[in-house]
């Protein structure tokens, strides 16, 4: 049996659903006789307000700016296609929760960020989504006491925020399992250090967790990037027969040397037939809004003492090496 809704009460009482909403929230502007009829209809139907929707309505009343505090802002840190896809997911999820979601570019420098912070505050914006970036960002100039914020697609921005990203650890450890299952014995993680650092060390952690229980050595990546001759020499020197990477430019050399590989994101899928770990960028945006939504409703503004990190598991895809959208998804 479906629970009665606000619209059911409105039909029962012969009024608009907005009038019922005002009575439920205890607002003024409804004639006493009409309010009494509505309360009687509520009692007959057994209607109970949705607490989440009630909290959202209360937040909007306390807010300011466009749509009375119902706007979230996506701060784009790098302007990439991947970030745009993350934003699209955030915007769709925001709409489901009754918010608008605006897109702005991250200003350069502390002064620019401070100006944007003031503008958004005076517009009544209280929820911020910081988009992906290839490099760790320093979010200076924000009055954190007035905002709830979530970082999307990255774990190492400063200051530390709640974050939603791919489950990098699972991608790496499951990639090791795939390579060992295919007959590999000596694996290497080949990822540029600054990009691995963006995961908070989770790619390296997953790689170590996958390799060490088999008493296999950890193979350092120095020398694994550069020209073909250098990569070939590094493979021979380290006797590597399996590689976890995100760099498509080494895929052809790996294949020519008979080395198996898996890609920890989709960036290598277009250049090779190696499997890759896939997660729709829009899912990162959607989960970010869900996390931010609850913080905004509870008015949990300010920097979190213990930032939450939500890791979204991807799935392994057997790449055809053709017609695959190439995105720097990390």
C-alpha atoms as a PDB file:
ATOM      1  CA  UNK A   1       0.000   0.000   0.000  1.00  0.00           C
ATOM      2  CA  UNK A   2       1.380   3.396  -1.011  1.00  0.00           C
ATOM      3  CA  UNK A   3       1.732   6.034   1.671  1.00  0.00           C
ATOM      4  CA  UNK A   4      -0.435   9.138   1.201  1.00  0.00           C
ATOM      5  CA  UNK A   5       1.302  12.130  -0.350  1.00  0.00           C
ATOM      6  CA  UNK A   6       0.962  15.857   0.026  1.00  0.00           C
ATOM      7  CA  UNK A   7      -0.965  15.897  -3.262  1.00  0.00           C
ATOM      8  CA  UNK A   8      -3.414  13.318  -1.879  1.00  0.00           C
ATOM      9  CA  UNK A   9      -4.085  15.619   1.078  1.00  0.00           C
ATOM     10  CA  UNK A  10      -4.609  18.559  -1.287  1.00  0.00           C
ATOM     11  CA  UNK A  11      -7.241  16.623  -3.270  1.00  0.00           C
ATOM     12  CA  UNK A  12      -8.968  15.480  -0.075  1.00  0.00           C
ATOM     13  CA  UNK A  13      -9.143  19.042   1.292  1.00  0.00           C
ATOM     14  CA  UNK A  14      -9.934  20.679  -2.065  1.00  0.00           C
ATOM     15  CA  UNK A  15      -6.935  23.040  -2.000  1.00  0.00           C
ATOM     16  CA  UNK A  16      -3.601  23.379  -3.764  1.00  0.00           C
ATOM     17  CA  UNK A  17      -0.588  21.344  -2.672  1.00  0.00           C
ATOM     18  CA  UNK A  18       1.251  24.615  -1.893  1.00  0.00           C
ATOM     19  CA  UNK A  19      -1.461  25.505   0.639  1.00  0.00           C
ATOM     20  CA  UNK A  20      -1.069  22.088   2.267  1.00  0.00           C
ATOM     21  CA  UNK A  21       2.701  22.598   2.345  1.00  0.00           C
ATOM     22  CA  UNK A  22       2.331  25.924   4.150  1.00  0.00           C
ATOM     23  CA  UNK A  23       0.096  24.339   6.794  1.00  0.00           C
ATOM     24  CA  UNK A  24       2.464  21.395   7.277  1.00  0.00           C
ATOM     25  CA  UNK A  25       5.405  23.776   7.778  1.00  0.00           C
ATOM     26  CA  UNK A  26       3.390  25.955  10.163  1.00  0.00           C
ATOM     27  CA  UNK A  27       3.570  28.934   7.833  1.00  0.00           C
ATOM     28  CA  UNK A  28       1.240  31.935   7.937  1.00  0.00           C
ATOM     29  CA  UNK A  29      -1.118  33.121   5.232  1.00  0.00           C
ATOM     30  CA  UNK A  30      -3.732  30.328   5.373  1.00  0.00           C
ATOM     31  CA  UNK A  31      -7.242  31.084   6.667  1.00  0.00           C
ATOM     32  CA  UNK A  32      -8.009  29.315   9.966  1.00  0.00           C
ATOM     33  CA  UNK A  33     -10.970  27.402   8.533  1.00  0.00           C
ATOM     34  CA  UNK A  34      -8.919  26.183   5.551  1.00  0.00           C
ATOM     35  CA  UNK A  35      -6.038  25.182   7.806  1.00  0.00           C
ATOM     36  CA  UNK A  36      -8.399  23.198  10.022  1.00  0.00           C
ATOM     37  CA  UNK A  37      -9.876  21.350   6.989  1.00  0.00           C
ATOM     38  CA  UNK A  38      -6.340  20.479   5.860  1.00  0.00           C
ATOM     39  CA  UNK A  39      -5.369  19.150   9.296  1.00  0.00           C
ATOM     40  CA  UNK A  40      -8.517  17.003   9.337  1.00  0.00           C
ATOM     41  CA  UNK A  41      -7.644  15.627   5.889  1.00  0.00           C
ATOM     42  CA  UNK A  42      -4.118  14.848   7.109  1.00  0.00           C
ATOM     43  CA  UNK A  43      -5.577  12.943  10.089  1.00  0.00           C
ATOM     44  CA  UNK A  44      -8.027  10.974   7.913  1.00  0.00           C
ATOM     45  CA  UNK A  45      -5.363   9.927   5.396  1.00  0.00           C
ATOM     46  CA  UNK A  46      -2.583   9.358   7.915  1.00  0.00           C
ATOM     47  CA  UNK A  47      -0.210  11.608   5.993  1.00  0.00           C
ATOM     48  CA  UNK A  48       3.316  12.038   7.391  1.00  0.00           C
ATOM     49  CA  UNK A  49       5.729  14.627   5.908  1.00  0.00           C
ATOM     50  CA  UNK A  50       8.977  13.347   4.408  1.00  0.00           C
ATOM     51  CA  UNK A  51      11.677  14.482   6.892  1.00  0.00           C
ATOM     52  CA  UNK A  52      14.305  14.949   4.173  1.00  0.00           C
ATOM     53  CA  UNK A  53      12.024  17.151   2.092  1.00  0.00           C
ATOM     54  CA  UNK A  54      11.033  19.104   5.179  1.00  0.00           C
ATOM     55  CA  UNK A  55      14.676  19.725   6.006  1.00  0.00           C
ATOM     56  CA  UNK A  56      15.375  20.829   2.440  1.00  0.00           C
ATOM     57  CA  UNK A  57      12.457  23.278   2.548  1.00  0.00           C
ATOM     58  CA  UNK A  58      13.692  24.673   5.850  1.00  0.00           C
ATOM     59  CA  UNK A  59      17.202  25.109   4.437  1.00  0.00           C
ATOM     60  CA  UNK A  60      15.855  26.992   1.444  1.00  0.00           C
ATOM     61  CA  UNK A  61      13.884  29.320   3.693  1.00  0.00           C
ATOM     62  CA  UNK A  62      17.014  30.121   5.714  1.00  0.00           C
ATOM     63  CA  UNK A  63      19.134  30.590   2.600  1.00  0.00           C
ATOM     64  CA  UNK A  64      19.382  33.483   0.225  1.00  0.00           C
ATOM     65  CA  UNK A  65      20.212  34.248  -3.374  1.00  0.00           C
ATOM     66  CA  UNK A  66      18.792  32.601  -6.439  1.00  0.00           C
ATOM     67  CA  UNK A  67      16.053  30.061  -5.677  1.00  0.00           C
ATOM     68  CA  UNK A  68      16.452  30.858  -1.967  1.00  0.00           C
ATOM     69  CA  UNK A  69      19.604  28.864  -1.234  1.00  0.00           C
ATOM     70  CA  UNK A  70      18.898  25.942  -3.552  1.00  0.00           C
ATOM     71  CA  UNK A  71      21.991  26.307  -5.750  1.00  0.00           C
ATOM     72  CA  UNK A  72      25.143  24.182  -5.647  1.00  0.00           C
ATOM     73  CA  UNK A  73      28.284  25.297  -7.460  1.00  0.00           C
ATOM     74  CA  UNK A  74      30.712  23.030  -9.340  1.00  0.00           C
ATOM     75  CA  UNK A  75      34.167  24.621  -9.302  1.00  0.00           C
ATOM     76  CA  UNK A  76      36.002  23.374 -12.413  1.00  0.00           C
ATOM     77  CA  UNK A  77      39.715  23.007 -11.626  1.00  0.00           C
ATOM     78  CA  UNK A  78      41.098  21.981 -15.028  1.00  0.00           C
ATOM     79  CA  UNK A  79      38.504  22.490 -17.794  1.00  0.00           C
ATOM     80  CA  UNK A  80      38.921  18.972 -19.229  1.00  0.00           C
ATOM     81  CA  UNK A  81      36.325  16.819 -20.975  1.00  0.00           C
ATOM     82  CA  UNK A  82      36.486  14.467 -18.008  1.00  0.00           C
ATOM     83  CA  UNK A  83      35.580  17.301 -15.636  1.00  0.00           C
ATOM     84  CA  UNK A  84      32.674  18.274 -17.878  1.00  0.00           C
ATOM     85  CA  UNK A  85      31.368  14.694 -17.712  1.00  0.00           C
ATOM     86  CA  UNK A  86      31.677  14.725 -13.913  1.00  0.00           C
ATOM     87  CA  UNK A  87      29.755  18.013 -13.857  1.00  0.00           C
ATOM     88  CA  UNK A  88      26.978  16.576 -16.037  1.00  0.00           C
ATOM     89  CA  UNK A  89      26.431  13.796 -13.493  1.00  0.00           C
ATOM     90  CA  UNK A  90      26.437  16.302 -10.632  1.00  0.00           C
ATOM     91  CA  UNK A  91      23.910  18.524 -12.379  1.00  0.00           C
ATOM     92  CA  UNK A  92      21.535  15.614 -13.035  1.00  0.00           C
ATOM     93  CA  UNK A  93      21.690  14.410  -9.428  1.00  0.00           C
ATOM     94  CA  UNK A  94      21.323  17.958  -8.099  1.00  0.00           C
ATOM     95  CA  UNK A  95      18.105  18.384 -10.076  1.00  0.00           C
ATOM     96  CA  UNK A  96      16.710  15.178  -8.539  1.00  0.00           C
ATOM     97  CA  UNK A  97      17.332  16.660  -5.088  1.00  0.00           C
ATOM     98  CA  UNK A  98      15.755  20.024  -5.869  1.00  0.00           C
ATOM     99  CA  UNK A  99      18.927  22.025  -6.530  1.00  0.00           C
ATOM    100  CA  UNK A 100      20.312  23.944  -9.457  1.00  0.00           C
ATOM    101  CA  UNK A 101      23.987  23.239 -10.137  1.00  0.00           C
ATOM    102  CA  UNK A 102      26.119  25.970 -11.680  1.00  0.00           C
ATOM    103  CA  UNK A 103      29.514  25.609 -13.344  1.00  0.00           C
ATOM    104  CA  UNK A 104      32.317  28.096 -12.616  1.00  0.00           C
ATOM    105  CA  UNK A 105      36.050  27.996 -13.299  1.00  0.00           C
ATOM    106  CA  UNK A 106      38.490  27.957 -10.382  1.00  0.00           C
ATOM    107  CA  UNK A 107      40.100  31.418 -10.297  1.00  0.00           C
ATOM    108  CA  UNK A 108      43.870  31.654 -10.356  1.00  0.00           C
ATOM    109  CA  UNK A 109      45.470  32.724  -7.097  1.00  0.00           C
ATOM    110  CA  UNK A 110      44.266  33.318  -3.578  1.00  0.00           C
ATOM    111  CA  UNK A 111      42.747  36.740  -4.316  1.00  0.00           C
ATOM    112  CA  UNK A 112      40.572  35.358  -7.119  1.00  0.00           C
ATOM    113  CA  UNK A 113      39.336  32.495  -4.964  1.00  0.00           C
ATOM    114  CA  UNK A 114      38.579  34.907  -2.127  1.00  0.00           C
ATOM    115  CA  UNK A 115      36.480  37.088  -4.450  1.00  0.00           C
ATOM    116  CA  UNK A 116      34.545  34.068  -5.720  1.00  0.00           C
ATOM    117  CA  UNK A 117      33.982  32.890  -2.146  1.00  0.00           C
ATOM    118  CA  UNK A 118      32.445  36.234  -1.202  1.00  0.00           C
ATOM    119  CA  UNK A 119      30.234  36.348  -4.297  1.00  0.00           C
ATOM    120  CA  UNK A 120      28.869  32.852  -3.721  1.00  0.00           C
ATOM    121  CA  UNK A 121      28.291  33.487  -0.025  1.00  0.00           C
ATOM    122  CA  UNK A 122      26.270  36.646  -0.677  1.00  0.00           C
ATOM    123  CA  UNK A 123      24.223  34.774  -3.274  1.00  0.00           C
ATOM    124  CA  UNK A 124      23.273  32.247  -0.594  1.00  0.00           C
ATOM    125  CA  UNK A 125      25.302  29.356  -2.037  1.00  0.00           C
ATOM    126  CA  UNK A 126      26.432  26.974   0.683  1.00  0.00           C
ATOM    127  CA  UNK A 127      27.349  23.793  -1.206  1.00  0.00           C
ATOM    128  CA  UNK A 128      30.560  23.508  -3.273  1.00  0.00           C
ATOM    129  CA  UNK A 129      31.794  20.695  -5.523  1.00  0.00           C
ATOM    130  CA  UNK A 130      35.470  20.925  -6.493  1.00  0.00           C
ATOM    131  CA  UNK A 131      36.094  19.144  -9.777  1.00  0.00           C
ATOM    132  CA  UNK A 132      38.929  16.805 -10.821  1.00  0.00           C
ATOM    133  CA  UNK A 133      42.437  18.045 -11.434  1.00  0.00           C
ATOM    134  CA  UNK A 134      45.639  16.429 -12.669  1.00  0.00           C
ATOM    135  CA  UNK A 135      47.541  18.249  -9.921  1.00  0.00           C
ATOM    136  CA  UNK A 136      46.762  18.758  -6.238  1.00  0.00           C
ATOM    137  CA  UNK A 137      45.158  22.157  -5.717  1.00  0.00           C
ATOM    138  CA  UNK A 138      45.552  24.634  -2.875  1.00  0.00           C
ATOM    139  CA  UNK A 139      42.096  26.044  -2.156  1.00  0.00           C
ATOM    140  CA  UNK A 140      43.148  29.285  -0.517  1.00  0.00           C
ATOM    141  CA  UNK A 141      40.902  32.256   0.155  1.00  0.00           C
ATOM    142  CA  UNK A 142      37.663  30.392   0.949  1.00  0.00           C
ATOM    143  CA  UNK A 143      35.710  31.182   4.099  1.00  0.00           C
ATOM    144  CA  UNK A 144      35.219  27.545   5.001  1.00  0.00           C
ATOM    145  CA  UNK A 145      32.992  28.350   7.979  1.00  0.00           C
ATOM    146  CA  UNK A 146      30.223  29.251   5.500  1.00  0.00           C
ATOM    147  CA  UNK A 147      30.378  26.287   3.103  1.00  0.00           C
ATOM    148  CA  UNK A 148      30.060  22.523   2.879  1.00  0.00           C
ATOM    149  CA  UNK A 149      32.372  21.121   0.192  1.00  0.00           C
ATOM    150  CA  UNK A 150      33.217  17.856  -1.579  1.00  0.00           C
ATOM    151  CA  UNK A 151      36.223  17.078  -3.775  1.00  0.00           C
ATOM    152  CA  UNK A 152      35.485  15.008  -6.888  1.00  0.00           C
ATOM    153  CA  UNK A 153      37.894  12.617  -8.568  1.00  0.00           C
ATOM    154  CA  UNK A 154      40.883  13.452  -6.355  1.00  0.00           C
ATOM    155  CA  UNK A 155      41.916  12.835  -2.760  1.00  0.00           C
ATOM    156  CA  UNK A 156      44.835  15.179  -2.092  1.00  0.00           C
ATOM    157  CA  UNK A 157      43.592  18.756  -2.457  1.00  0.00           C
ATOM    158  CA  UNK A 158      44.418  21.145   0.378  1.00  0.00           C
ATOM    159  CA  UNK A 159      42.704  21.608   2.736  1.00  0.00           C
ATOM    160  CA  UNK A 160      41.361  18.083   3.035  1.00  0.00           C
ATOM    161  CA  UNK A 161      37.690  17.837   2.075  1.00  0.00           C
ATOM    162  CA  UNK A 162      35.112  15.094   1.859  1.00  0.00           C
ATOM    163  CA  UNK A 163      35.945  13.299  -1.401  1.00  0.00           C
ATOM    164  CA  UNK A 164      34.406  10.990  -3.999  1.00  0.00           C
ATOM    165  CA  UNK A 165      36.664   9.191  -6.473  1.00  0.00           C
ATOM    166  CA  UNK A 166      37.283   5.920  -8.234  1.00  0.00           C
ATOM    167  CA  UNK A 167      38.310   3.093  -5.898  1.00  0.00           C
ATOM    168  CA  UNK A 168      41.963   3.233  -6.926  1.00  0.00           C
ATOM    169  CA  UNK A 169      43.034   0.549  -4.444  1.00  0.00           C
ATOM    170  CA  UNK A 170      40.534  -1.960  -5.798  1.00  0.00           C
ATOM    171  CA  UNK A 171      41.531  -1.157  -9.377  1.00  0.00           C
ATOM    172  CA  UNK A 172      45.187  -1.896  -8.652  1.00  0.00           C
ATOM    173  CA  UNK A 173      44.757  -5.054  -6.562  1.00  0.00           C
ATOM    174  CA  UNK A 174      42.192  -6.538  -8.940  1.00  0.00           C
ATOM    175  CA  UNK A 175      44.501  -5.644 -11.853  1.00  0.00           C
ATOM    176  CA  UNK A 176      47.270  -7.657 -10.178  1.00  0.00           C
ATOM    177  CA  UNK A 177      44.898 -10.584  -9.780  1.00  0.00           C
ATOM    178  CA  UNK A 178      44.049 -10.492 -13.490  1.00  0.00           C
ATOM    179  CA  UNK A 179      47.705 -10.447 -14.510  1.00  0.00           C
ATOM    180  CA  UNK A 180      48.699 -13.273 -12.161  1.00  0.00           C
ATOM    181  CA  UNK A 181      45.723 -15.313 -13.413  1.00  0.00           C
ATOM    182  CA  UNK A 182      46.964 -14.863 -16.985  1.00  0.00           C
ATOM    183  CA  UNK A 183      50.345 -16.411 -16.094  1.00  0.00           C
ATOM    184  CA  UNK A 184      52.430 -13.364 -15.191  1.00  0.00           C
ATOM    185  CA  UNK A 185      54.991 -13.722 -12.402  1.00  0.00           C
ATOM    186  CA  UNK A 186      56.740 -10.343 -12.140  1.00  0.00           C
ATOM    187  CA  UNK A 187      54.556  -7.250 -12.153  1.00  0.00           C
ATOM    188  CA  UNK A 188      55.357  -3.548 -12.225  1.00  0.00           C
ATOM    189  CA  UNK A 189      53.284  -0.440 -11.525  1.00  0.00           C
ATOM    190  CA  UNK A 190      54.166   2.192 -14.131  1.00  0.00           C
ATOM    191  CA  UNK A 191      52.495   5.496 -13.210  1.00  0.00           C
ATOM    192  CA  UNK A 192      54.106   8.929 -13.024  1.00  0.00           C
ATOM    193  CA  UNK A 193      54.722   9.810  -9.385  1.00  0.00           C
ATOM    194  CA  UNK A 194      52.637  13.012  -9.324  1.00  0.00           C
ATOM    195  CA  UNK A 195      49.658  11.185 -10.813  1.00  0.00           C
ATOM    196  CA  UNK A 196      49.950   8.282  -8.378  1.00  0.00           C
ATOM    197  CA  UNK A 197      50.118  10.804  -5.555  1.00  0.00           C
ATOM    198  CA  UNK A 198      46.751  12.188  -6.684  1.00  0.00           C
ATOM    199  CA  UNK A 199      45.195   8.904  -5.519  1.00  0.00           C
ATOM    200  CA  UNK A 200      46.553   9.341  -2.006  1.00  0.00           C
ATOM    201  CA  UNK A 201      48.894   6.394  -2.578  1.00  0.00           C
ATOM    202  CA  UNK A 202      46.040   3.987  -3.271  1.00  0.00           C
ATOM    203  CA  UNK A 203      47.330   2.673  -6.608  1.00  0.00           C
ATOM    204  CA  UNK A 204      50.663   1.885  -4.970  1.00  0.00           C
ATOM    205  CA  UNK A 205      48.901   0.365  -1.962  1.00  0.00           C
ATOM    206  CA  UNK A 206      46.722  -1.875  -4.111  1.00  0.00           C
ATOM    207  CA  UNK A 207      49.731  -2.942  -6.178  1.00  0.00           C
ATOM    208  CA  UNK A 208      51.725  -3.819  -3.053  1.00  0.00           C
ATOM    209  CA  UNK A 209      48.774  -5.696  -1.555  1.00  0.00           C
ATOM    210  CA  UNK A 210      48.431  -7.713  -4.763  1.00  0.00           C
ATOM    211  CA  UNK A 211      52.121  -8.534  -5.206  1.00  0.00           C
ATOM    212  CA  UNK A 212      53.649  -9.093  -1.752  1.00  0.00           C
ATOM    213  CA  UNK A 213      51.448 -12.048  -0.626  1.00  0.00           C
ATOM    214  CA  UNK A 214      52.791 -13.972  -3.645  1.00  0.00           C
ATOM    215  CA  UNK A 215      56.365 -13.207  -2.598  1.00  0.00           C
ATOM    216  CA  UNK A 216      56.844 -11.334  -5.845  1.00  0.00           C
ATOM    217  CA  UNK A 217      59.132  -8.273  -5.812  1.00  0.00           C
ATOM    218  CA  UNK A 218      57.936  -4.690  -6.134  1.00  0.00           C
ATOM    219  CA  UNK A 219      59.395  -3.375  -9.376  1.00  0.00           C
ATOM    220  CA  UNK A 220      60.261   0.323  -9.365  1.00  0.00           C
ATOM    221  CA  UNK A 221      59.037   2.295 -12.399  1.00  0.00           C
ATOM    222  CA  UNK A 222      62.173   4.395 -12.986  1.00  0.00           C
ATOM    223  CA  UNK A 223      63.190   3.956 -16.614  1.00  0.00           C
ATOM    224  CA  UNK A 224      59.806   2.652 -17.725  1.00  0.00           C
ATOM    225  CA  UNK A 225      58.907   5.911 -19.483  1.00  0.00           C
ATOM    226  CA  UNK A 226      60.545   7.537 -22.480  1.00  0.00           C
ATOM    227  CA  UNK A 227      61.458   6.231 -25.905  1.00  0.00           C
ATOM    228  CA  UNK A 228      60.864   2.671 -27.059  1.00  0.00           C
ATOM    229  CA  UNK A 229      64.492   1.653 -26.630  1.00  0.00           C
ATOM    230  CA  UNK A 230      64.487   2.839 -23.036  1.00  0.00           C
ATOM    231  CA  UNK A 231      61.254   1.008 -22.223  1.00  0.00           C
ATOM    232  CA  UNK A 232      62.523  -2.199 -23.859  1.00  0.00           C
ATOM    233  CA  UNK A 233      65.756  -2.012 -21.879  1.00  0.00           C
ATOM    234  CA  UNK A 234      63.873  -1.458 -18.630  1.00  0.00           C
ATOM    235  CA  UNK A 235      61.618  -4.459 -19.291  1.00  0.00           C
ATOM    236  CA  UNK A 236      64.602  -6.722 -19.982  1.00  0.00           C
ATOM    237  CA  UNK A 237      66.582  -5.468 -16.994  1.00  0.00           C
ATOM    238  CA  UNK A 238      63.712  -6.040 -14.560  1.00  0.00           C
ATOM    239  CA  UNK A 239      62.358  -9.202 -16.263  1.00  0.00           C
ATOM    240  CA  UNK A 240      58.850  -7.724 -16.159  1.00  0.00           C
ATOM    241  CA  UNK A 241      56.070  -9.745 -17.783  1.00  0.00           C
ATOM    242  CA  UNK A 242      53.040  -7.787 -16.500  1.00  0.00           C
ATOM    243  CA  UNK A 243      52.420  -4.041 -16.145  1.00  0.00           C
ATOM    244  CA  UNK A 244      49.747  -1.924 -14.456  1.00  0.00           C
ATOM    245  CA  UNK A 245      49.697   1.552 -15.988  1.00  0.00           C
ATOM    246  CA  UNK A 246      47.653   4.543 -17.139  1.00  0.00           C
ATOM    247  CA  UNK A 247      50.052   5.693 -19.879  1.00  0.00           C
ATOM    248  CA  UNK A 248      48.859   4.792 -23.408  1.00  0.00           C
ATOM    249  CA  UNK A 249      52.144   5.781 -25.065  1.00  0.00           C
ATOM    250  CA  UNK A 250      53.898   2.648 -23.767  1.00  0.00           C
ATOM    251  CA  UNK A 251      51.150   0.245 -24.849  1.00  0.00           C
ATOM    252  CA  UNK A 252      52.610  -0.544 -28.282  1.00  0.00           C
ATOM    253  CA  UNK A 253      56.064  -1.282 -26.851  1.00  0.00           C
ATOM    254  CA  UNK A 254      54.572  -3.537 -24.180  1.00  0.00           C
ATOM    255  CA  UNK A 255      52.678  -5.486 -26.818  1.00  0.00           C
ATOM    256  CA  UNK A 256      55.730  -5.838 -29.076  1.00  0.00           C
ATOM    257  CA  UNK A 257      57.737  -7.208 -26.139  1.00  0.00           C
ATOM    258  CA  UNK A 258      55.045  -9.759 -25.300  1.00  0.00           C
ATOM    259  CA  UNK A 259      54.295  -8.114 -21.945  1.00  0.00           C
ATOM    260  CA  UNK A 260      50.755  -8.285 -20.632  1.00  0.00           C
ATOM    261  CA  UNK A 261      49.212  -5.121 -19.220  1.00  0.00           C
ATOM    262  CA  UNK A 262      46.113  -3.674 -17.625  1.00  0.00           C
ATOM    263  CA  UNK A 263      45.161  -0.006 -17.607  1.00  0.00           C
ATOM    264  CA  UNK A 264      43.956   1.490 -14.340  1.00  0.00           C
ATOM    265  CA  UNK A 265      41.690   3.952 -16.147  1.00  0.00           C
ATOM    266  CA  UNK A 266      40.355   4.436 -19.660  1.00  0.00           C
ATOM    267  CA  UNK A 267      43.237   6.556 -20.925  1.00  0.00           C
ATOM    268  CA  UNK A 268      44.994   3.568 -22.482  1.00  0.00           C
ATOM    269  CA  UNK A 269      41.972   1.913 -24.030  1.00  0.00           C
ATOM    270  CA  UNK A 270      42.105   3.766 -27.333  1.00  0.00           C
ATOM    271  CA  UNK A 271      45.748   2.901 -27.948  1.00  0.00           C
ATOM    272  CA  UNK A 272      45.728  -0.818 -27.137  1.00  0.00           C
ATOM    273  CA  UNK A 273      43.719  -3.979 -26.733  1.00  0.00           C
ATOM    274  CA  UNK A 274      44.636  -4.329 -23.051  1.00  0.00           C
ATOM    275  CA  UNK A 275      41.833  -4.483 -20.440  1.00  0.00           C
ATOM    276  CA  UNK A 276      41.016  -1.279 -18.580  1.00  0.00           C
ATOM    277  CA  UNK A 277      39.282  -0.351 -15.336  1.00  0.00           C
ATOM    278  CA  UNK A 278      36.234   1.752 -16.167  1.00  0.00           C
ATOM    279  CA  UNK A 279      33.954   4.033 -14.210  1.00  0.00           C
ATOM    280  CA  UNK A 280      31.548   6.548 -15.744  1.00  0.00           C
ATOM    281  CA  UNK A 281      32.737  10.047 -14.767  1.00  0.00           C
ATOM    282  CA  UNK A 282      29.119  11.066 -14.239  1.00  0.00           C
ATOM    283  CA  UNK A 283      28.897   8.594 -11.327  1.00  0.00           C
ATOM    284  CA  UNK A 284      31.546  10.554  -9.457  1.00  0.00           C
ATOM    285  CA  UNK A 285      29.458  13.715  -9.859  1.00  0.00           C
ATOM    286  CA  UNK A 286      26.243  11.996  -8.776  1.00  0.00           C
ATOM    287  CA  UNK A 287      27.756  10.520  -5.608  1.00  0.00           C
ATOM    288  CA  UNK A 288      29.404  13.832  -4.802  1.00  0.00           C
ATOM    289  CA  UNK A 289      26.032  15.582  -4.803  1.00  0.00           C
ATOM    290  CA  UNK A 290      24.541  12.873  -2.575  1.00  0.00           C
ATOM    291  CA  UNK A 291      27.318  13.388  -0.044  1.00  0.00           C
ATOM    292  CA  UNK A 292      27.075  17.182  -0.240  1.00  0.00           C
ATOM    293  CA  UNK A 293      23.276  17.177  -0.027  1.00  0.00           C
ATOM    294  CA  UNK A 294      23.281  15.652   3.457  1.00  0.00           C
ATOM    295  CA  UNK A 295      25.986  18.017   4.694  1.00  0.00           C
ATOM    296  CA  UNK A 296      24.019  21.024   3.411  1.00  0.00           C
ATOM    297  CA  UNK A 297      20.767  19.851   4.988  1.00  0.00           C
ATOM    298  CA  UNK A 298      22.504  19.370   8.342  1.00  0.00           C
ATOM    299  CA  UNK A 299      24.288  22.707   7.902  1.00  0.00           C
ATOM    300  CA  UNK A 300      27.628  21.026   8.480  1.00  0.00           C
ATOM    301  CA  UNK A 301      29.677  23.948   7.231  1.00  0.00           C
ATOM    302  CA  UNK A 302      33.398  24.229   7.756  1.00  0.00           C
ATOM    303  CA  UNK A 303      36.314  21.867   7.220  1.00  0.00           C
ATOM    304  CA  UNK A 304      35.606  18.306   8.413  1.00  0.00           C
ATOM    305  CA  UNK A 305      37.698  16.949  11.264  1.00  0.00           C
ATOM    306  CA  UNK A 306      37.548  13.495   9.684  1.00  0.00           C
ATOM    307  CA  UNK A 307      36.974  13.806   5.918  1.00  0.00           C
ATOM    308  CA  UNK A 308      34.881  11.054   4.381  1.00  0.00           C
ATOM    309  CA  UNK A 309      36.326   9.306   1.340  1.00  0.00           C
ATOM    310  CA  UNK A 310      33.905   7.476  -0.937  1.00  0.00           C
ATOM    311  CA  UNK A 311      35.567   5.045  -3.343  1.00  0.00           C
ATOM    312  CA  UNK A 312      33.463   3.949  -6.331  1.00  0.00           C
ATOM    313  CA  UNK A 313      34.353   0.570  -7.785  1.00  0.00           C
ATOM    314  CA  UNK A 314      34.697   0.351 -11.534  1.00  0.00           C
ATOM    315  CA  UNK A 315      34.554  -2.711 -13.747  1.00  0.00           C
ATOM    316  CA  UNK A 316      37.075  -4.360 -16.012  1.00  0.00           C
ATOM    317  CA  UNK A 317      36.442  -3.960 -19.727  1.00  0.00           C
ATOM    318  CA  UNK A 318      38.128  -5.908 -22.502  1.00  0.00           C
ATOM    319  CA  UNK A 319      39.204  -3.119 -24.825  1.00  0.00           C
ATOM    320  CA  UNK A 320      38.889  -3.420 -28.583  1.00  0.00           C
ATOM    321  CA  UNK A 321      41.306  -0.527 -28.985  1.00  0.00           C
ATOM    322  CA  UNK A 322      38.821   1.253 -31.247  1.00  0.00           C
ATOM    323  CA  UNK A 323      36.174   3.943 -30.843  1.00  0.00           C
ATOM    324  CA  UNK A 324      36.837   4.368 -27.134  1.00  0.00           C
ATOM    325  CA  UNK A 325      36.511   7.852 -25.668  1.00  0.00           C
ATOM    326  CA  UNK A 326      39.867   8.909 -24.263  1.00  0.00           C
ATOM    327  CA  UNK A 327      39.667  10.811 -21.006  1.00  0.00           C
ATOM    328  CA  UNK A 328      42.215  11.526 -18.253  1.00  0.00           C
ATOM    329  CA  UNK A 329      39.967   9.927 -15.621  1.00  0.00           C
ATOM    330  CA  UNK A 330      41.696  10.068 -12.285  1.00  0.00           C
END
